[in-house]
């Protein structure tokens, strides 16, 4: 199984009030914010489901690793989510935007 560290994300706020953000793509590599490859959510979800690839994040402060899983938002959007833990800087929502990202 191939493992991929997610170092940045591209997302957009939901249309209904902008109360939450959906991940649209993720960048994988070894240096935070400097991806070697960009994956759409659909590509990553397909690889996770097939069992061929594993995606994860790493905390810069504690080095804690969080697995990334397929997730369907309460609003129905199929996206990705990092496993909940007590470390905040390894959450997908807290990773930096990928270089060249046009969405916030």
Protein backbone atom coordinates (compact mmCIF):
# COMPACT_ATOMS: atom_id res chain seq x y z
CA UNK A 1 0.00 0.00 0.00
CA UNK A 2 1.33 3.44 -0.92
CA UNK A 3 1.30 6.10 1.79
CA UNK A 4 0.89 9.82 1.08
CA UNK A 5 1.40 12.65 3.56
CA UNK A 6 -1.02 15.50 2.90
CA UNK A 7 0.83 18.82 3.27
CA UNK A 8 -1.70 21.32 1.90
CA UNK A 9 -5.36 21.56 0.88
CA UNK A 10 -7.63 23.44 -1.49
CA UNK A 11 -11.16 24.04 -0.33
CA UNK A 12 -14.17 26.26 -0.57
CA UNK A 13 -16.81 27.38 1.88
CA UNK A 14 -20.24 25.84 1.57
CA UNK A 15 -22.78 28.01 -0.21
CA UNK A 16 -25.29 27.89 2.65
CA UNK A 17 -23.99 30.61 4.95
CA UNK A 18 -20.35 29.64 4.54
CA UNK A 19 -20.38 28.00 7.98
CA UNK A 20 -18.08 25.16 6.97
CA UNK A 21 -15.51 24.34 4.32
CA UNK A 22 -15.26 21.39 1.96
CA UNK A 23 -11.90 20.02 0.87
CA UNK A 24 -11.69 19.96 -2.95
CA UNK A 25 -8.13 18.73 -3.42
CA UNK A 26 -5.06 17.83 -1.39
CA UNK A 27 -1.35 18.13 -2.02
CA UNK A 28 0.98 15.33 -0.96
CA UNK A 29 4.70 15.48 -0.27
CA UNK A 30 7.06 15.81 2.66
CA UNK A 31 7.34 19.55 3.29
CA UNK A 32 4.32 21.43 4.60
CA UNK A 33 2.79 23.57 1.90
CA UNK A 34 5.11 22.25 -0.85
CA UNK A 35 3.28 19.43 -2.62
CA UNK A 36 4.82 17.05 -5.11
CA UNK A 37 1.40 15.90 -6.31
CA UNK A 38 -2.13 17.33 -6.23
CA UNK A 39 -5.05 14.90 -5.84
CA UNK A 40 -8.71 15.76 -6.33
CA UNK A 41 -11.01 14.57 -3.57
CA UNK A 42 -12.52 12.11 -6.03
CA UNK A 43 -9.10 10.61 -6.83
CA UNK A 44 -8.14 10.30 -3.16
CA UNK A 45 -11.52 8.82 -2.17
CA UNK A 46 -11.24 6.22 -4.95
CA UNK A 47 -7.72 5.21 -3.88
CA UNK A 48 -8.73 4.98 -0.20
CA UNK A 49 -11.78 2.85 -1.08
CA UNK A 50 -9.74 0.50 -3.26
CA UNK A 51 -7.18 0.03 -0.48
CA UNK A 52 -4.25 0.87 -2.76
CA UNK A 53 -3.31 4.12 -1.03
CA UNK A 54 -3.39 5.61 2.45
CA UNK A 55 -3.46 9.34 3.12
CA UNK A 56 -2.46 11.00 6.40
CA UNK A 57 -1.38 14.28 7.96
CA UNK A 58 1.41 14.98 10.44
CA UNK A 59 1.47 17.60 13.19
CA UNK A 60 4.39 19.99 12.89
CA UNK A 61 4.43 20.54 16.65
CA UNK A 62 3.93 17.03 18.05
CA UNK A 63 4.66 14.86 14.98
CA UNK A 64 1.35 13.05 15.66
CA UNK A 65 -0.02 11.29 12.60
CA UNK A 66 -3.73 11.43 11.70
CA UNK A 67 -5.26 9.12 9.10
CA UNK A 68 -7.45 10.69 6.43
CA UNK A 69 -10.71 8.95 5.60
CA UNK A 70 -13.57 9.25 3.16
CA UNK A 71 -16.33 11.42 4.63
CA UNK A 72 -19.81 12.50 3.58
CA UNK A 73 -20.71 15.89 5.04
CA UNK A 74 -24.11 16.38 6.69
CA UNK A 75 -24.93 18.58 3.68
CA UNK A 76 -24.31 15.60 1.34
CA UNK A 77 -20.92 16.55 -0.13
CA UNK A 78 -18.50 13.62 -0.46
CA UNK A 79 -15.14 14.80 0.81
CA UNK A 80 -12.24 13.84 3.09
CA UNK A 81 -11.71 14.16 6.82
CA UNK A 82 -8.76 13.63 9.14
CA UNK A 83 -9.31 11.32 12.11
CA UNK A 84 -10.23 13.40 15.17
CA UNK A 85 -7.59 13.73 17.88
CA UNK A 86 -6.48 16.35 20.41
CA UNK A 87 -3.85 17.81 18.05
CA UNK A 88 -5.11 20.73 15.97
CA UNK A 89 -2.30 21.30 13.48
CA UNK A 90 -2.71 17.89 11.83
CA UNK A 91 -6.37 18.50 10.95
CA UNK A 92 -7.08 18.91 7.23
CA UNK A 93 -8.95 22.15 7.95
CA UNK A 94 -5.84 23.66 9.53
CA UNK A 95 -3.32 22.81 6.81
CA UNK A 96 -2.11 25.62 4.54
CA UNK A 97 -3.55 26.22 1.09
CA UNK A 98 -1.67 24.60 -1.75
CA UNK A 99 0.49 26.96 -3.82
CA UNK A 100 -1.47 28.41 -6.69
CA UNK A 101 -4.77 27.69 -4.94
CA UNK A 102 -7.49 30.10 -6.02
CA UNK A 103 -10.00 29.12 -3.35
CA UNK A 104 -9.90 29.95 0.35
